[in-house]
Amino acid sequence: MTDRELLAAAEKAAGNSYSPYSHFRVGAALLSADGRLFTGCNIENSSYSLTNCAERTALFKAVSEGVTEFKAIAIVGSADGDFSRPCQPCGACLQVLSEFCGDDMMIILSNGWFRLSDFLPMRFSADNIR
């Protein structure tokens, strides 16, 4: 699957966003190591801390289906429908992704691709609690 196809899948997922408070629609498309695609959107809640990001929605869907190895994730976000501006993952999403993905996991944004370690160079891992 190409970067462009992953970004298109993320944009489609953003169409399902439930964002009545921020009006900022986010979509994610997560590519598993075996080639399966899992999408997610942000789901807001009036109690803001209970909001779930698109990246975590996609990841949780995959893990709930027994998939725990991933190649790449594409992320888009916009309040006005223009997905050409990059939308970086938040710290919570980066930390959750790091549980299942190595430092070289590709994160695809509208302005190119990055490695997970570019955003989270000193991640907290199971090694920290042993």
C-alpha atoms as a PDB file:
ATOM      1  CA  MET A   1       0.000   0.000   0.000  1.00  0.00           C
ATOM      2  CA  THR A   2       1.423   3.391  -0.950  1.00  0.00           C
ATOM      3  CA  ASP A   3       1.734   6.450   1.270  1.00  0.00           C
ATOM      4  CA  ARG A   4      -0.917   8.170  -0.846  1.00  0.00           C
ATOM      5  CA  GLU A   5      -3.332   5.260  -0.418  1.00  0.00           C
ATOM      6  CA  LEU A   6      -2.800   5.270   3.345  1.00  0.00           C
ATOM      7  CA  LEU A   7      -3.401   9.029   3.513  1.00  0.00           C
ATOM      8  CA  ALA A   8      -6.588   8.609   1.435  1.00  0.00           C
ATOM      9  CA  ALA A   9      -7.805   5.911   3.834  1.00  0.00           C
ATOM     10  CA  ALA A  10      -7.068   8.228   6.775  1.00  0.00           C
ATOM     11  CA  GLU A  11      -9.043  11.045   5.116  1.00  0.00           C
ATOM     12  CA  LYS A  12     -11.976   8.704   4.588  1.00  0.00           C
ATOM     13  CA  ALA A  13     -11.812   7.667   8.248  1.00  0.00           C
ATOM     14  CA  ALA A  14     -11.830  11.338   9.291  1.00  0.00           C
ATOM     15  CA  GLY A  15     -15.268  11.540   7.685  1.00  0.00           C
ATOM     16  CA  ASN A  16     -16.579   9.417  10.572  1.00  0.00           C
ATOM     17  CA  SER A  17     -15.112  11.706  13.226  1.00  0.00           C
ATOM     18  CA  TYR A  18     -17.383  12.581  16.121  1.00  0.00           C
ATOM     19  CA  SER A  19     -16.032  16.046  16.930  1.00  0.00           C
ATOM     20  CA  PRO A  20     -18.937  18.330  17.909  1.00  0.00           C
ATOM     21  CA  TYR A  21     -16.794  20.340  20.342  1.00  0.00           C
ATOM     22  CA  SER A  22     -13.497  20.994  18.562  1.00  0.00           C
ATOM     23  CA  HIS A  23     -14.805  20.525  14.998  1.00  0.00           C
ATOM     24  CA  PHE A  24     -11.326  19.113  14.281  1.00  0.00           C
ATOM     25  CA  ARG A  25     -11.708  15.875  12.342  1.00  0.00           C
ATOM     26  CA  VAL A  26      -8.849  13.380  12.583  1.00  0.00           C
ATOM     27  CA  GLY A  27      -8.433  10.129  10.723  1.00  0.00           C
ATOM     28  CA  ALA A  28      -5.812   7.406  10.919  1.00  0.00           C
ATOM     29  CA  ALA A  29      -5.006   4.414   8.734  1.00  0.00           C
ATOM     30  CA  LEU A  30      -2.835   1.752  10.363  1.00  0.00           C
ATOM     31  CA  LEU A  31      -1.115  -0.844   8.179  1.00  0.00           C
ATOM     32  CA  SER A  32      -0.341  -4.143   9.874  1.00  0.00           C
ATOM     33  CA  ALA A  33       2.738  -6.240   9.142  1.00  0.00           C
ATOM     34  CA  ASP A  34       0.504  -8.778   7.353  1.00  0.00           C
ATOM     35  CA  GLY A  35      -0.966  -6.072   5.094  1.00  0.00           C
ATOM     36  CA  ARG A  36      -4.320  -5.523   6.808  1.00  0.00           C
ATOM     37  CA  LEU A  37      -5.650  -1.996   7.187  1.00  0.00           C
ATOM     38  CA  PHE A  38      -7.313  -0.653  10.327  1.00  0.00           C
ATOM     39  CA  THR A  39      -8.798   2.830  10.351  1.00  0.00           C
ATOM     40  CA  GLY A  40      -9.912   5.089  13.145  1.00  0.00           C
ATOM     41  CA  CYS A  41     -11.291   8.547  13.798  1.00  0.00           C
ATOM     42  CA  ASN A  42     -11.314  10.822  16.808  1.00  0.00           C
ATOM     43  CA  ILE A  43     -14.300  10.424  19.107  1.00  0.00           C
ATOM     44  CA  GLU A  44     -14.914  13.359  21.416  1.00  0.00           C
ATOM     45  CA  ASN A  45     -16.842  13.447  24.655  1.00  0.00           C
ATOM     46  CA  SER A  46     -18.334  16.363  26.564  1.00  0.00           C
ATOM     47  CA  SER A  47     -16.008  15.301  29.377  1.00  0.00           C
ATOM     48  CA  TYR A  48     -12.954  16.185  27.283  1.00  0.00           C
ATOM     49  CA  SER A  49     -10.490  13.859  28.995  1.00  0.00           C
ATOM     50  CA  LEU A  50     -12.571  10.887  27.804  1.00  0.00           C
ATOM     51  CA  THR A  51     -12.002  11.767  24.141  1.00  0.00           C
ATOM     52  CA  ASN A  52     -10.194   9.113  22.088  1.00  0.00           C
ATOM     53  CA  CYS A  53      -7.806   9.998  19.285  1.00  0.00           C
ATOM     54  CA  ALA A  54      -7.965   8.492  15.794  1.00  0.00           C
ATOM     55  CA  GLU A  55      -4.592   6.787  16.132  1.00  0.00           C
ATOM     56  CA  ARG A  56      -5.573   4.961  19.310  1.00  0.00           C
ATOM     57  CA  THR A  57      -8.965   4.053  17.857  1.00  0.00           C
ATOM     58  CA  ALA A  58      -7.259   2.362  14.888  1.00  0.00           C
ATOM     59  CA  LEU A  59      -4.689   0.642  17.093  1.00  0.00           C
ATOM     60  CA  PHE A  60      -7.256  -0.609  19.599  1.00  0.00           C
ATOM     61  CA  LYS A  61      -9.391  -1.991  16.754  1.00  0.00           C
ATOM     62  CA  ALA A  62      -6.378  -3.893  15.434  1.00  0.00           C
ATOM     63  CA  VAL A  63      -5.308  -5.254  18.807  1.00  0.00           C
ATOM     64  CA  SER A  64      -8.882  -6.310  19.570  1.00  0.00           C
ATOM     65  CA  GLU A  65      -8.705  -8.383  16.361  1.00  0.00           C
ATOM     66  CA  GLY A  66      -5.458 -10.042  17.495  1.00  0.00           C
ATOM     67  CA  VAL A  67      -3.074  -7.933  15.384  1.00  0.00           C
ATOM     68  CA  THR A  68      -0.035  -6.538  17.201  1.00  0.00           C
ATOM     69  CA  GLU A  69       2.611  -5.957  14.518  1.00  0.00           C
ATOM     70  CA  PHE A  70       2.527  -2.877  12.314  1.00  0.00           C
ATOM     71  CA  LYS A  71       4.413  -1.243   9.449  1.00  0.00           C
ATOM     72  CA  ALA A  72       2.991   2.261   9.167  1.00  0.00           C
ATOM     73  CA  ILE A  73       0.276   4.686  10.192  1.00  0.00           C
ATOM     74  CA  ALA A  74      -1.049   7.641   8.203  1.00  0.00           C
ATOM     75  CA  ILE A  75      -2.638  10.524  10.098  1.00  0.00           C
ATOM     76  CA  VAL A  76      -4.650  13.500   8.836  1.00  0.00           C
ATOM     77  CA  GLY A  77      -6.581  16.199  10.640  1.00  0.00           C
ATOM     78  CA  SER A  78      -8.459  19.368   9.798  1.00  0.00           C
ATOM     79  CA  ALA A  79     -11.139  21.703  11.047  1.00  0.00           C
ATOM     80  CA  ASP A  80     -11.931  23.011   7.558  1.00  0.00           C
ATOM     81  CA  GLY A  81     -11.570  19.929   5.361  1.00  0.00           C
ATOM     82  CA  ASP A  82      -8.091  20.858   4.118  1.00  0.00           C
ATOM     83  CA  PHE A  83      -5.971  17.819   4.950  1.00  0.00           C
ATOM     84  CA  SER A  84      -2.852  19.204   3.257  1.00  0.00           C
ATOM     85  CA  ARG A  85      -1.463  20.606   6.519  1.00  0.00           C
ATOM     86  CA  PRO A  86       0.358  18.022   8.663  1.00  0.00           C
ATOM     87  CA  CYS A  87      -1.343  16.720  11.800  1.00  0.00           C
ATOM     88  CA  GLN A  88       1.182  15.184  14.186  1.00  0.00           C
ATOM     89  CA  PRO A  89       0.190  12.516  16.697  1.00  0.00           C
ATOM     90  CA  CYS A  90      -0.137  13.592  20.316  1.00  0.00           C
ATOM     91  CA  GLY A  91       2.131  12.270  23.060  1.00  0.00           C
ATOM     92  CA  ALA A  92      -0.451   9.795  24.350  1.00  0.00           C
ATOM     93  CA  CYS A  93      -0.873   8.264  20.892  1.00  0.00           C
ATOM     94  CA  LEU A  94       2.881   8.079  20.388  1.00  0.00           C
ATOM     95  CA  GLN A  95       3.286   6.270  23.703  1.00  0.00           C
ATOM     96  CA  VAL A  96       0.503   3.791  22.891  1.00  0.00           C
ATOM     97  CA  LEU A  97       1.940   3.176  19.415  1.00  0.00           C
ATOM     98  CA  SER A  98       5.357   2.572  20.981  1.00  0.00           C
ATOM     99  CA  GLU A  99       3.910  -0.345  22.955  1.00  0.00           C
ATOM    100  CA  PHE A 100       3.459  -2.290  19.722  1.00  0.00           C
ATOM    101  CA  CYS A 101       5.752  -0.590  17.223  1.00  0.00           C
ATOM    102  CA  GLY A 102       9.506  -0.252  17.035  1.00  0.00           C
ATOM    103  CA  ASP A 103      11.427   2.977  16.757  1.00  0.00           C
ATOM    104  CA  ASP A 104      11.445   2.626  12.958  1.00  0.00           C
ATOM    105  CA  MET A 105       7.645   2.496  12.603  1.00  0.00           C
ATOM    106  CA  MET A 106       6.666   4.833   9.759  1.00  0.00           C
ATOM    107  CA  ILE A 107       4.361   7.729  10.573  1.00  0.00           C
ATOM    108  CA  ILE A 108       2.995   9.244   7.377  1.00  0.00           C
ATOM    109  CA  LEU A 109       1.768  12.839   7.417  1.00  0.00           C
ATOM    110  CA  SER A 110       0.760  15.133   4.568  1.00  0.00           C
ATOM    111  CA  ASN A 111       4.289  16.575   4.477  1.00  0.00           C
ATOM    112  CA  GLY A 112       6.185  13.281   4.379  1.00  0.00           C
ATOM    113  CA  TRP A 113       7.046  10.312   6.524  1.00  0.00           C
ATOM    114  CA  PHE A 114       8.849  10.076   9.814  1.00  0.00           C
ATOM    115  CA  ARG A 115       9.936   7.372  12.215  1.00  0.00           C
ATOM    116  CA  LEU A 116       8.280   6.924  15.589  1.00  0.00           C
ATOM    117  CA  SER A 117      11.630   7.765  17.191  1.00  0.00           C
ATOM    118  CA  ASP A 118      11.595  11.178  15.432  1.00  0.00           C
ATOM    119  CA  PHE A 119       8.628  12.143  17.608  1.00  0.00           C
ATOM    120  CA  LEU A 120       9.349  10.044  20.702  1.00  0.00           C
ATOM    121  CA  PRO A 121      13.116   9.575  21.040  1.00  0.00           C
ATOM    122  CA  MET A 122      13.079   8.481  24.701  1.00  0.00           C
ATOM    123  CA  ARG A 123       9.943   6.412  24.993  1.00  0.00           C
ATOM    124  CA  PHE A 124       8.812   4.700  28.179  1.00  0.00           C
ATOM    125  CA  SER A 125       8.777   0.932  27.715  1.00  0.00           C
ATOM    126  CA  ALA A 126       8.517  -2.333  29.605  1.00  0.00           C
ATOM    127  CA  ASP A 127      12.278  -2.105  30.145  1.00  0.00           C
ATOM    128  CA  ASN A 128      11.626   0.879  32.419  1.00  0.00           C
ATOM    129  CA  ILE A 129       9.526  -1.179  34.843  1.00  0.00           C
ATOM    130  CA  ARG A 130      11.738  -4.264  35.105  1.00  0.00           C
END
